[in-house]
Amino acid sequence: MDTLAVIRELAERQFGAEPGTVDPDLPLQDIGIDSLGYLEFLFELEDAVGVPIPPKDVTDVRTLRELASVVDRLIAEHPAPAEPRQ
């Protein structure tokens, strides 16, 4: 999964930007993400990537690229669901 692409697409949808126009290196506030919007965005992102994103892990995140790095780490640390037995 290309985490940064998922995050960019979600940000573009949620904050009304044209597809492909969100710069992942801009500060979040320059994209139009305020603190409440950021929390809502994180809930949507958790659903999209399938892992919990603890707020303490993303409080210092300043850009979407930094957020993607944190999410990639969380995905790597999150145990995969057990395969169903047959």
PDB file of N, CA and C in Angstrom:
ATOM      1  N   MET A   1       0.836  -1.170   0.000  1.00  0.00           N
ATOM      2  CA  MET A   1       0.000   0.000   0.000  1.00  0.00           C
ATOM      3  C   MET A   1       0.886   1.241   0.000  1.00  0.00           C
ATOM      4  N   ASP A   2       0.522   2.194  -0.809  1.00  0.00           N
ATOM      5  CA  ASP A   2       1.218   3.481  -0.836  1.00  0.00           C
ATOM      6  C   ASP A   2       0.498   4.404   0.151  1.00  0.00           C
ATOM      7  N   THR A   3       0.992   4.425   1.376  1.00  0.00           N
ATOM      8  CA  THR A   3       0.340   5.156   2.454  1.00  0.00           C
ATOM      9  C   THR A   3       0.210   6.635   2.129  1.00  0.00           C
ATOM     10  N   LEU A   4       1.243   7.225   1.581  1.00  0.00           N
ATOM     11  CA  LEU A   4       1.191   8.653   1.256  1.00  0.00           C
ATOM     12  C   LEU A   4       0.088   8.929   0.232  1.00  0.00           C
ATOM     13  N   ALA A   5      -0.066   8.069  -0.757  1.00  0.00           N
ATOM     14  CA  ALA A   5      -1.118   8.258  -1.764  1.00  0.00           C
ATOM     15  C   ALA A   5      -2.501   8.158  -1.120  1.00  0.00           C
ATOM     16  N   VAL A   6      -2.678   7.222  -0.202  1.00  0.00           N
ATOM     17  CA  VAL A   6      -3.950   7.079   0.497  1.00  0.00           C
ATOM     18  C   VAL A   6      -4.239   8.340   1.308  1.00  0.00           C
ATOM     19  N   ILE A   7      -3.237   8.838   2.010  1.00  0.00           N
ATOM     20  CA  ILE A   7      -3.404  10.029   2.842  1.00  0.00           C
ATOM     21  C   ILE A   7      -3.709  11.253   1.978  1.00  0.00           C
ATOM     22  N   ARG A   8      -2.994  11.409   0.882  1.00  0.00           N
ATOM     23  CA  ARG A   8      -3.241  12.557  -0.012  1.00  0.00           C
ATOM     24  C   ARG A   8      -4.653  12.514  -0.576  1.00  0.00           C
ATOM     25  N   GLU A   9      -5.074  11.343  -1.037  1.00  0.00           N
ATOM     26  CA  GLU A   9      -6.413  11.206  -1.617  1.00  0.00           C
ATOM     27  C   GLU A   9      -7.483  11.523  -0.570  1.00  0.00           C
ATOM     28  N   LEU A  10      -7.295  11.010   0.636  1.00  0.00           N
ATOM     29  CA  LEU A  10      -8.243  11.268   1.711  1.00  0.00           C
ATOM     30  C   LEU A  10      -8.276  12.764   2.054  1.00  0.00           C
ATOM     31  N   ALA A  11      -7.119  13.388   2.128  1.00  0.00           N
ATOM     32  CA  ALA A  11      -7.048  14.826   2.428  1.00  0.00           C
ATOM     33  C   ALA A  11      -7.724  15.643   1.327  1.00  0.00           C
ATOM     34  N   GLU A  12      -7.491  15.283   0.086  1.00  0.00           N
ATOM     35  CA  GLU A  12      -8.102  16.007  -1.026  1.00  0.00           C
ATOM     36  C   GLU A  12      -9.622  15.897  -0.969  1.00  0.00           C
ATOM     37  N   ARG A  13     -10.111  14.702  -0.677  1.00  0.00           N
ATOM     38  CA  ARG A  13     -11.556  14.484  -0.587  1.00  0.00           C
ATOM     39  C   ARG A  13     -12.151  15.249   0.603  1.00  0.00           C
ATOM     40  N   GLN A  14     -11.513  15.106   1.758  1.00  0.00           N
ATOM     41  CA  GLN A  14     -12.064  15.680   2.981  1.00  0.00           C
ATOM     42  C   GLN A  14     -11.976  17.201   3.016  1.00  0.00           C
ATOM     43  N   PHE A  15     -10.944  17.771   2.409  1.00  0.00           N
ATOM     44  CA  PHE A  15     -10.750  19.213   2.507  1.00  0.00           C
ATOM     45  C   PHE A  15     -11.027  19.945   1.206  1.00  0.00           C
ATOM     46  N   GLY A  16     -11.637  19.251   0.239  1.00  0.00           N
ATOM     47  CA  GLY A  16     -12.125  19.884  -0.964  1.00  0.00           C
ATOM     48  C   GLY A  16     -11.083  20.332  -1.965  1.00  0.00           C
ATOM     49  N   ALA A  17      -9.933  19.693  -1.977  1.00  0.00           N
ATOM     50  CA  ALA A  17      -8.893  20.064  -2.945  1.00  0.00           C
ATOM     51  C   ALA A  17      -9.070  19.259  -4.232  1.00  0.00           C
ATOM     52  N   GLU A  18      -8.576  19.795  -5.302  1.00  0.00           N
ATOM     53  CA  GLU A  18      -8.580  19.067  -6.576  1.00  0.00           C
ATOM     54  C   GLU A  18      -7.641  17.871  -6.477  1.00  0.00           C
ATOM     55  N   PRO A  19      -7.999  16.740  -7.099  1.00  0.00           N
ATOM     56  CA  PRO A  19      -7.116  15.574  -7.068  1.00  0.00           C
ATOM     57  C   PRO A  19      -5.719  15.908  -7.592  1.00  0.00           C
ATOM     58  N   GLY A  20      -4.719  15.448  -6.849  1.00  0.00           N
ATOM     59  CA  GLY A  20      -3.330  15.642  -7.241  1.00  0.00           C
ATOM     60  C   GLY A  20      -2.746  17.001  -6.900  1.00  0.00           C
ATOM     61  N   THR A  21      -3.495  17.836  -6.169  1.00  0.00           N
ATOM     62  CA  THR A  21      -3.003  19.187  -5.904  1.00  0.00           C
ATOM     63  C   THR A  21      -2.440  19.393  -4.506  1.00  0.00           C
ATOM     64  N   VAL A  22      -2.657  18.444  -3.603  1.00  0.00           N
ATOM     65  CA  VAL A  22      -2.176  18.614  -2.231  1.00  0.00           C
ATOM     66  C   VAL A  22      -0.695  18.258  -2.164  1.00  0.00           C
ATOM     67  N   ASP A  23       0.106  19.214  -1.739  1.00  0.00           N
ATOM     68  CA  ASP A  23       1.547  19.007  -1.581  1.00  0.00           C
ATOM     69  C   ASP A  23       1.785  18.337  -0.231  1.00  0.00           C
ATOM     70  N   PRO A  24       2.320  17.113  -0.214  1.00  0.00           N
ATOM     71  CA  PRO A  24       2.500  16.390   1.045  1.00  0.00           C
ATOM     72  C   PRO A  24       3.564  16.996   1.959  1.00  0.00           C
ATOM     73  N   ASP A  25       4.287  17.989   1.472  1.00  0.00           N
ATOM     74  CA  ASP A  25       5.329  18.612   2.285  1.00  0.00           C
ATOM     75  C   ASP A  25       4.914  19.973   2.852  1.00  0.00           C
ATOM     76  N   LEU A  26       3.705  20.406   2.537  1.00  0.00           N
ATOM     77  CA  LEU A  26       3.205  21.656   3.108  1.00  0.00           C
ATOM     78  C   LEU A  26       2.787  21.420   4.556  1.00  0.00           C
ATOM     79  N   PRO A  27       2.922  22.431   5.409  1.00  0.00           N
ATOM     80  CA  PRO A  27       2.384  22.304   6.768  1.00  0.00           C
ATOM     81  C   PRO A  27       0.877  22.062   6.709  1.00  0.00           C
ATOM     82  N   LEU A  28       0.376  21.274   7.643  1.00  0.00           N
ATOM     83  CA  LEU A  28      -1.035  20.898   7.638  1.00  0.00           C
ATOM     84  C   LEU A  28      -1.957  22.109   7.611  1.00  0.00           C
ATOM     85  N   GLN A  29      -1.635  23.151   8.365  1.00  0.00           N
ATOM     86  CA  GLN A  29      -2.501  24.328   8.393  1.00  0.00           C
ATOM     87  C   GLN A  29      -2.541  25.021   7.033  1.00  0.00           C
ATOM     88  N   ASP A  30      -1.494  24.891   6.224  1.00  0.00           N
ATOM     89  CA  ASP A  30      -1.497  25.489   4.888  1.00  0.00           C
ATOM     90  C   ASP A  30      -2.412  24.727   3.928  1.00  0.00           C
ATOM     91  N   ILE A  31      -2.710  23.493   4.273  1.00  0.00           N
ATOM     92  CA  ILE A  31      -3.635  22.684   3.465  1.00  0.00           C
ATOM     93  C   ILE A  31      -5.077  22.982   3.888  1.00  0.00           C
ATOM     94  N   GLY A  32      -5.234  23.586   5.052  1.00  0.00           N
ATOM     95  CA  GLY A  32      -6.571  23.891   5.550  1.00  0.00           C
ATOM     96  C   GLY A  32      -7.027  22.936   6.631  1.00  0.00           C
ATOM     97  N   ILE A  33      -6.089  22.232   7.244  1.00  0.00           N
ATOM     98  CA  ILE A  33      -6.423  21.266   8.283  1.00  0.00           C
ATOM     99  C   ILE A  33      -6.238  21.929   9.647  1.00  0.00           C
ATOM    100  N   ASP A  34      -7.363  22.146  10.349  1.00  0.00           N
ATOM    101  CA  ASP A  34      -7.273  22.671  11.707  1.00  0.00           C
ATOM    102  C   ASP A  34      -7.296  21.499  12.695  1.00  0.00           C
ATOM    103  N   SER A  35      -7.252  21.789  13.995  1.00  0.00           N
ATOM    104  CA  SER A  35      -7.125  20.712  14.986  1.00  0.00           C
ATOM    105  C   SER A  35      -8.334  19.788  14.988  1.00  0.00           C
ATOM    106  N   LEU A  36      -9.541  20.309  14.875  1.00  0.00           N
ATOM    107  CA  LEU A  36     -10.726  19.463  14.843  1.00  0.00           C
ATOM    108  C   LEU A  36     -10.768  18.665  13.546  1.00  0.00           C
ATOM    109  N   GLY A  37     -10.469  19.317  12.453  1.00  0.00           N
ATOM    110  CA  GLY A  37     -10.423  18.621  11.167  1.00  0.00           C
ATOM    111  C   GLY A  37      -9.382  17.527  11.157  1.00  0.00           C
ATOM    112  N   TYR A  38      -8.269  17.757  11.849  1.00  0.00           N
ATOM    113  CA  TYR A  38      -7.200  16.765  11.918  1.00  0.00           C
ATOM    114  C   TYR A  38      -7.674  15.515  12.651  1.00  0.00           C
ATOM    115  N   LEU A  39      -8.405  15.707  13.753  1.00  0.00           N
ATOM    116  CA  LEU A  39      -8.930  14.550  14.487  1.00  0.00           C
ATOM    117  C   LEU A  39      -9.908  13.750  13.631  1.00  0.00           C
ATOM    118  N   GLU A  40     -10.797  14.438  12.953  1.00  0.00           N
ATOM    119  CA  GLU A  40     -11.736  13.755  12.061  1.00  0.00           C
ATOM    120  C   GLU A  40     -10.990  13.036  10.950  1.00  0.00           C
ATOM    121  N   PHE A  41      -9.985  13.688  10.421  1.00  0.00           N
ATOM    122  CA  PHE A  41      -9.163  13.101   9.367  1.00  0.00           C
ATOM    123  C   PHE A  41      -8.486  11.818   9.862  1.00  0.00           C
ATOM    124  N   LEU A  42      -7.978  11.834  11.100  1.00  0.00           N
ATOM    125  CA  LEU A  42      -7.317  10.646  11.654  1.00  0.00           C
ATOM    126  C   LEU A  42      -8.286   9.489  11.805  1.00  0.00           C
ATOM    127  N   PHE A  43      -9.531   9.770  12.189  1.00  0.00           N
ATOM    128  CA  PHE A  43     -10.531   8.698  12.293  1.00  0.00           C
ATOM    129  C   PHE A  43     -10.776   8.070  10.923  1.00  0.00           C
ATOM    130  N   GLU A  44     -10.906   8.895   9.905  1.00  0.00           N
ATOM    131  CA  GLU A  44     -11.086   8.395   8.538  1.00  0.00           C
ATOM    132  C   GLU A  44      -9.870   7.594   8.089  1.00  0.00           C
ATOM    133  N   LEU A  45      -8.694   8.083   8.435  1.00  0.00           N
ATOM    134  CA  LEU A  45      -7.457   7.413   8.050  1.00  0.00           C
ATOM    135  C   LEU A  45      -7.339   6.048   8.723  1.00  0.00           C
ATOM    136  N   GLU A  46      -7.716   5.965   9.990  1.00  0.00           N
ATOM    137  CA  GLU A  46      -7.704   4.669  10.689  1.00  0.00           C
ATOM    138  C   GLU A  46      -8.554   3.657   9.935  1.00  0.00           C
ATOM    139  N   ASP A  47      -9.742   4.068   9.507  1.00  0.00           N
ATOM    140  CA  ASP A  47     -10.620   3.174   8.742  1.00  0.00           C
ATOM    141  C   ASP A  47      -9.973   2.769   7.421  1.00  0.00           C
ATOM    142  N   ALA A  48      -9.314   3.714   6.780  1.00  0.00           N
ATOM    143  CA  ALA A  48      -8.715   3.451   5.469  1.00  0.00           C
ATOM    144  C   ALA A  48      -7.531   2.497   5.546  1.00  0.00           C
ATOM    145  N   VAL A  49      -6.720   2.600   6.606  1.00  0.00           N
ATOM    146  CA  VAL A  49      -5.511   1.769   6.680  1.00  0.00           C
ATOM    147  C   VAL A  49      -5.678   0.551   7.590  1.00  0.00           C
ATOM    148  N   GLY A  50      -6.735   0.543   8.406  1.00  0.00           N
ATOM    149  CA  GLY A  50      -7.022  -0.632   9.219  1.00  0.00           C
ATOM    150  C   GLY A  50      -6.173  -0.803  10.466  1.00  0.00           C
ATOM    151  N   VAL A  51      -5.561   0.269  10.935  1.00  0.00           N
ATOM    152  CA  VAL A  51      -4.802   0.212  12.196  1.00  0.00           C
ATOM    153  C   VAL A  51      -5.175   1.427  13.035  1.00  0.00           C
ATOM    154  N   PRO A  52      -5.135   1.260  14.372  1.00  0.00           N
ATOM    155  CA  PRO A  52      -5.380   2.425  15.223  1.00  0.00           C
ATOM    156  C   PRO A  52      -4.230   3.419  15.129  1.00  0.00           C
ATOM    157  N   ILE A  53      -4.567   4.687  15.198  1.00  0.00           N
ATOM    158  CA  ILE A  53      -3.560   5.753  15.167  1.00  0.00           C
ATOM    159  C   ILE A  53      -3.706   6.539  16.465  1.00  0.00           C
ATOM    160  N   PRO A  54      -2.904   6.203  17.469  1.00  0.00           N
ATOM    161  CA  PRO A  54      -3.007   6.912  18.742  1.00  0.00           C
ATOM    162  C   PRO A  54      -2.625   8.390  18.578  1.00  0.00           C
ATOM    163  N   PRO A  55      -3.437   9.294  19.136  1.00  0.00           N
ATOM    164  CA  PRO A  55      -3.131  10.728  19.016  1.00  0.00           C
ATOM    165  C   PRO A  55      -1.727  11.082  19.491  1.00  0.00           C
ATOM    166  N   LYS A  56      -1.221  10.394  20.508  1.00  0.00           N
ATOM    167  CA  LYS A  56       0.114  10.710  21.018  1.00  0.00           C
ATOM    168  C   LYS A  56       1.195  10.470  19.966  1.00  0.00           C
ATOM    169  N   ASP A  57       0.929   9.587  19.008  1.00  0.00           N
ATOM    170  CA  ASP A  57       1.915   9.293  17.966  1.00  0.00           C
ATOM    171  C   ASP A  57       1.945  10.330  16.859  1.00  0.00           C
ATOM    172  N   VAL A  58       0.909  11.153  16.777  1.00  0.00           N
ATOM    173  CA  VAL A  58       0.829  12.100  15.659  1.00  0.00           C
ATOM    174  C   VAL A  58       0.719  13.560  16.094  1.00  0.00           C
ATOM    175  N   THR A  59       0.955  13.834  17.378  1.00  0.00           N
ATOM    176  CA  THR A  59       0.829  15.217  17.846  1.00  0.00           C
ATOM    177  C   THR A  59       1.903  16.135  17.267  1.00  0.00           C
ATOM    178  N   ASP A  60       3.073  15.611  16.962  1.00  0.00           N
ATOM    179  CA  ASP A  60       4.157  16.436  16.430  1.00  0.00           C
ATOM    180  C   ASP A  60       4.233  16.420  14.909  1.00  0.00           C
ATOM    181  N   VAL A  61       3.311  15.745  14.258  1.00  0.00           N
ATOM    182  CA  VAL A  61       3.303  15.667  12.797  1.00  0.00           C
ATOM    183  C   VAL A  61       2.959  17.036  12.227  1.00  0.00           C
ATOM    184  N   ARG A  62       3.744  17.477  11.256  1.00  0.00           N
ATOM    185  CA  ARG A  62       3.532  18.790  10.647  1.00  0.00           C
ATOM    186  C   ARG A  62       3.114  18.723   9.177  1.00  0.00           C
ATOM    187  N   THR A  63       3.363  17.584   8.509  1.00  0.00           N
ATOM    188  CA  THR A  63       3.026  17.456   7.091  1.00  0.00           C
ATOM    189  C   THR A  63       2.388  16.096   6.831  1.00  0.00           C
ATOM    190  N   LEU A  64       1.767  15.952   5.684  1.00  0.00           N
ATOM    191  CA  LEU A  64       1.193  14.656   5.305  1.00  0.00           C
ATOM    192  C   LEU A  64       2.288  13.604   5.109  1.00  0.00           C
ATOM    193  N   ARG A  65       3.447  14.022   4.634  1.00  0.00           N
ATOM    194  CA  ARG A  65       4.550  13.077   4.451  1.00  0.00           C
ATOM    195  C   ARG A  65       5.003  12.524   5.808  1.00  0.00           C
ATOM    196  N   GLU A  66       5.098  13.393   6.823  1.00  0.00           N
ATOM    197  CA  GLU A  66       5.448  12.933   8.166  1.00  0.00           C
ATOM    198  C   GLU A  66       4.372  11.990   8.699  1.00  0.00           C
ATOM    199  N   LEU A  67       3.114  12.313   8.448  1.00  0.00           N
ATOM    200  CA  LEU A  67       2.018  11.456   8.880  1.00  0.00           C
ATOM    201  C   LEU A  67       2.123  10.081   8.218  1.00  0.00           C
ATOM    202  N   ALA A  68       2.463  10.044   6.946  1.00  0.00           N
ATOM    203  CA  ALA A  68       2.619   8.774   6.244  1.00  0.00           C
ATOM    204  C   ALA A  68       3.723   7.926   6.874  1.00  0.00           C
ATOM    205  N   SER A  69       4.808   8.558   7.280  1.00  0.00           N
ATOM    206  CA  SER A  69       5.902   7.821   7.932  1.00  0.00           C
ATOM    207  C   SER A  69       5.436   7.205   9.248  1.00  0.00           C
ATOM    208  N   VAL A  70       4.678   7.971  10.030  1.00  0.00           N
ATOM    209  CA  VAL A  70       4.165   7.456  11.302  1.00  0.00           C
ATOM    210  C   VAL A  70       3.200   6.302  11.039  1.00  0.00           C
ATOM    211  N   VAL A  71       2.311   6.473  10.083  1.00  0.00           N
ATOM    212  CA  VAL A  71       1.331   5.426   9.773  1.00  0.00           C
ATOM    213  C   VAL A  71       2.033   4.172   9.264  1.00  0.00           C
ATOM    214  N   ASP A  72       3.044   4.319   8.432  1.00  0.00           N
ATOM    215  CA  ASP A  72       3.802   3.148   7.966  1.00  0.00           C
ATOM    216  C   ASP A  72       4.423   2.407   9.144  1.00  0.00           C
ATOM    217  N   ARG A  73       4.957   3.146  10.109  1.00  0.00           N
ATOM    218  CA  ARG A  73       5.529   2.511  11.302  1.00  0.00           C
ATOM    219  C   ARG A  73       4.453   1.780  12.098  1.00  0.00           C
ATOM    220  N   LEU A  74       3.297   2.401  12.269  1.00  0.00           N
ATOM    221  CA  LEU A  74       2.209   1.777  13.011  1.00  0.00           C
ATOM    222  C   LEU A  74       1.710   0.514  12.310  1.00  0.00           C
ATOM    223  N   ILE A  75       1.646   0.559  10.993  1.00  0.00           N
ATOM    224  CA  ILE A  75       1.226  -0.627  10.232  1.00  0.00           C
ATOM    225  C   ILE A  75       2.225  -1.756  10.442  1.00  0.00           C
ATOM    226  N   ALA A  76       3.522  -1.431  10.394  1.00  0.00           N
ATOM    227  CA  ALA A  76       4.564  -2.444  10.576  1.00  0.00           C
ATOM    228  C   ALA A  76       4.517  -3.042  11.980  1.00  0.00           C
ATOM    229  N   GLU A  77       4.158  -2.230  12.969  1.00  0.00           N
ATOM    230  CA  GLU A  77       4.109  -2.699  14.359  1.00  0.00           C
ATOM    231  C   GLU A  77       2.822  -3.428  14.688  1.00  0.00           C
ATOM    232  N   HIS A  78       1.779  -3.184  13.932  1.00  0.00           N
ATOM    233  CA  HIS A  78       0.469  -3.755  14.219  1.00  0.00           C
ATOM    234  C   HIS A  78       0.428  -5.211  13.767  1.00  0.00           C
ATOM    235  N   PRO A  79       0.103  -6.116  14.676  1.00  0.00           N
ATOM    236  CA  PRO A  79       0.059  -7.527  14.276  1.00  0.00           C
ATOM    237  C   PRO A  79      -1.037  -7.763  13.242  1.00  0.00           C
ATOM    238  N   ALA A  80      -0.704  -8.567  12.278  1.00  0.00           N
ATOM    239  CA  ALA A  80      -1.675  -8.919  11.238  1.00  0.00           C
ATOM    240  C   ALA A  80      -2.743  -9.819  11.842  1.00  0.00           C
ATOM    241  N   PRO A  81      -3.980  -9.704  11.391  1.00  0.00           N
ATOM    242  CA  PRO A  81      -5.037 -10.567  11.916  1.00  0.00           C
ATOM    243  C   PRO A  81      -4.726 -12.034  11.595  1.00  0.00           C
ATOM    244  N   ALA A  82      -5.116 -12.896  12.480  1.00  0.00           N
ATOM    245  CA  ALA A  82      -4.880 -14.330  12.280  1.00  0.00           C
ATOM    246  C   ALA A  82      -5.691 -14.822  11.091  1.00  0.00           C
ATOM    247  N   GLU A  83      -5.096 -15.733  10.352  1.00  0.00           N
ATOM    248  CA  GLU A  83      -5.782 -16.347   9.225  1.00  0.00           C
ATOM    249  C   GLU A  83      -6.878 -17.264   9.770  1.00  0.00           C
ATOM    250  N   PRO A  84      -8.054 -17.270   9.145  1.00  0.00           N
ATOM    251  CA  PRO A  84      -9.110 -18.182   9.619  1.00  0.00           C
ATOM    252  C   PRO A  84      -8.693 -19.643   9.441  1.00  0.00           C
ATOM    253  N   ARG A  85      -9.065 -20.429  10.409  1.00  0.00           N
ATOM    254  CA  ARG A  85      -8.758 -21.875  10.314  1.00  0.00           C
ATOM    255  C   ARG A  85      -9.751 -22.539   9.398  1.00  0.00           C
ATOM    256  N   GLN A  86      -9.262 -23.579   8.718  1.00  0.00           N
ATOM    257  CA  GLN A  86     -10.160 -24.296   7.793  1.00  0.00           C
ATOM    258  C   GLN A  86     -10.393 -25.691   8.281  1.00  0.00           C
TER     259      GLN A  86
END
